[in-house]
Amino acid sequence: MAHKVEIFSADCPICRETIEMVKSSDCCKNSEIVVHKCEGDECCTPAKNYKIRTVPSIVVDGKLAIEGRPSLKDIKDVVGSVCCQ
């Protein structure tokens, strides 16, 4: 089953770096990756639903997995633990 990885971004350098790390991660290759650019009201509802307080944030299969700037190790450990199963 493919996993869904959602990235909430403000399109800043840190957010763009996070998006690239997720997209290039081996564990996310078979996952659906959705990027929400939080500009105006566009991602307010999904962000509120996940109780996101900061960007970048990563949601995996409907659960908030990472808030704030992740390291590559964070992505591999947290996102990979779900998506590589």
C-alpha atoms as a PDB file:
ATOM      1  CA  MET A   1       0.000   0.000   0.000  1.00  0.00           C
ATOM      2  CA  ALA A   2       1.341   3.445  -0.913  1.00  0.00           C
ATOM      3  CA  HIS A   3       1.724   5.894   1.919  1.00  0.00           C
ATOM      4  CA  LYS A   4       0.750   9.554   1.794  1.00  0.00           C
ATOM      5  CA  VAL A   5       3.353  12.094   2.864  1.00  0.00           C
ATOM      6  CA  GLU A   6       2.148  15.682   3.192  1.00  0.00           C
ATOM      7  CA  ILE A   7       4.609  18.538   3.570  1.00  0.00           C
ATOM      8  CA  PHE A   8       3.414  21.913   4.832  1.00  0.00           C
ATOM      9  CA  SER A   9       5.631  24.677   3.497  1.00  0.00           C
ATOM     10  CA  ALA A  10       5.927  28.461   3.463  1.00  0.00           C
ATOM     11  CA  ASP A  11       8.129  28.179   0.355  1.00  0.00           C
ATOM     12  CA  CYS A  12      11.141  29.457   2.303  1.00  0.00           C
ATOM     13  CA  PRO A  13      14.657  28.012   1.832  1.00  0.00           C
ATOM     14  CA  ILE A  14      14.287  25.673   4.827  1.00  0.00           C
ATOM     15  CA  CYS A  15      10.927  24.414   3.552  1.00  0.00           C
ATOM     16  CA  ARG A  16      12.278  23.879   0.029  1.00  0.00           C
ATOM     17  CA  GLU A  17      15.223  21.948   1.488  1.00  0.00           C
ATOM     18  CA  THR A  18      12.800  19.762   3.466  1.00  0.00           C
ATOM     19  CA  ILE A  19      10.711  19.053   0.358  1.00  0.00           C
ATOM     20  CA  GLU A  20      13.814  17.989  -1.574  1.00  0.00           C
ATOM     21  CA  MET A  21      15.032  15.754   1.268  1.00  0.00           C
ATOM     22  CA  VAL A  22      11.651  13.977   1.431  1.00  0.00           C
ATOM     23  CA  LYS A  23      11.407  13.600  -2.349  1.00  0.00           C
ATOM     24  CA  SER A  24      14.945  12.213  -2.588  1.00  0.00           C
ATOM     25  CA  SER A  25      14.568   9.810   0.351  1.00  0.00           C
ATOM     26  CA  ASP A  26      14.632   6.181  -0.773  1.00  0.00           C
ATOM     27  CA  CYS A  27      11.832   5.360   1.644  1.00  0.00           C
ATOM     28  CA  CYS A  28       9.469   7.866   0.028  1.00  0.00           C
ATOM     29  CA  LYS A  29       9.959   6.759  -3.578  1.00  0.00           C
ATOM     30  CA  ASN A  30       6.684   4.763  -3.620  1.00  0.00           C
ATOM     31  CA  SER A  31       4.720   7.248  -1.530  1.00  0.00           C
ATOM     32  CA  GLU A  32       2.273   9.887  -2.652  1.00  0.00           C
ATOM     33  CA  ILE A  33       3.909  13.213  -1.777  1.00  0.00           C
ATOM     34  CA  VAL A  34       1.674  16.269  -1.447  1.00  0.00           C
ATOM     35  CA  VAL A  35       3.100  19.735  -0.829  1.00  0.00           C
ATOM     36  CA  HIS A  36       0.832  22.314   0.796  1.00  0.00           C
ATOM     37  CA  LYS A  37       2.157  25.838   0.268  1.00  0.00           C
ATOM     38  CA  CYS A  38       0.828  27.803   3.198  1.00  0.00           C
ATOM     39  CA  GLU A  39       0.068  31.131   1.603  1.00  0.00           C
ATOM     40  CA  GLY A  40      -3.079  32.909   2.639  1.00  0.00           C
ATOM     41  CA  ASP A  41      -5.997  30.621   3.506  1.00  0.00           C
ATOM     42  CA  GLU A  42      -5.036  27.758   1.139  1.00  0.00           C
ATOM     43  CA  CYS A  43      -3.654  25.368   3.726  1.00  0.00           C
ATOM     44  CA  CYS A  44      -5.252  26.776   6.857  1.00  0.00           C
ATOM     45  CA  THR A  45      -7.891  24.059   7.135  1.00  0.00           C
ATOM     46  CA  PRO A  46      -5.579  21.050   6.653  1.00  0.00           C
ATOM     47  CA  ALA A  47      -2.953  22.657   8.914  1.00  0.00           C
ATOM     48  CA  LYS A  48      -5.555  23.234  11.630  1.00  0.00           C
ATOM     49  CA  ASN A  49      -6.824  19.668  11.256  1.00  0.00           C
ATOM     50  CA  TYR A  50      -3.320  18.364  12.007  1.00  0.00           C
ATOM     51  CA  LYS A  51      -2.714  21.041  14.698  1.00  0.00           C
ATOM     52  CA  ILE A  52       0.374  22.261  12.837  1.00  0.00           C
ATOM     53  CA  ARG A  53       2.058  25.180  14.593  1.00  0.00           C
ATOM     54  CA  THR A  54       5.113  25.709  12.401  1.00  0.00           C
ATOM     55  CA  VAL A  55       6.485  25.002   8.956  1.00  0.00           C
ATOM     56  CA  PRO A  56       7.966  22.954   7.582  1.00  0.00           C
ATOM     57  CA  SER A  57       5.865  20.124   8.964  1.00  0.00           C
ATOM     58  CA  ILE A  58       5.503  16.586   7.668  1.00  0.00           C
ATOM     59  CA  VAL A  59       2.366  14.466   7.998  1.00  0.00           C
ATOM     60  CA  VAL A  60       2.513  10.748   7.185  1.00  0.00           C
ATOM     61  CA  ASP A  61      -0.723   8.833   6.615  1.00  0.00           C
ATOM     62  CA  GLY A  62      -2.748  11.480   8.417  1.00  0.00           C
ATOM     63  CA  LYS A  63      -0.496  11.754  11.488  1.00  0.00           C
ATOM     64  CA  LEU A  64       1.801  14.674  12.265  1.00  0.00           C
ATOM     65  CA  ALA A  65       5.296  13.177  12.138  1.00  0.00           C
ATOM     66  CA  ILE A  66       7.737  16.113  12.158  1.00  0.00           C
ATOM     67  CA  GLU A  67       7.386  19.804  13.016  1.00  0.00           C
ATOM     68  CA  GLY A  68      10.130  22.274  12.230  1.00  0.00           C
ATOM     69  CA  ARG A  69      13.393  21.836  10.338  1.00  0.00           C
ATOM     70  CA  PRO A  70      14.199  18.126  10.069  1.00  0.00           C
ATOM     71  CA  SER A  71      17.568  16.584   9.430  1.00  0.00           C
ATOM     72  CA  LEU A  72      17.973  13.867   6.817  1.00  0.00           C
ATOM     73  CA  LYS A  73      18.303  11.428   9.731  1.00  0.00           C
ATOM     74  CA  ASP A  74      14.941  12.635  11.131  1.00  0.00           C
ATOM     75  CA  ILE A  75      13.278  12.007   7.792  1.00  0.00           C
ATOM     76  CA  LYS A  76      14.825   8.556   7.446  1.00  0.00           C
ATOM     77  CA  ASP A  77      14.000   7.625  11.047  1.00  0.00           C
ATOM     78  CA  VAL A  78      10.478   9.016  11.320  1.00  0.00           C
ATOM     79  CA  VAL A  79       9.121   8.961   7.764  1.00  0.00           C
ATOM     80  CA  GLY A  80      11.125   5.906   6.768  1.00  0.00           C
ATOM     81  CA  SER A  81       9.859   3.889   9.728  1.00  0.00           C
ATOM     82  CA  VAL A  82       6.362   4.142   8.228  1.00  0.00           C
ATOM     83  CA  CYS A  83       6.980   4.316   4.488  1.00  0.00           C
ATOM     84  CA  CYS A  84       9.614   1.564   4.293  1.00  0.00           C
ATOM     85  CA  GLN A  85       7.402  -1.089   5.866  1.00  0.00           C
END
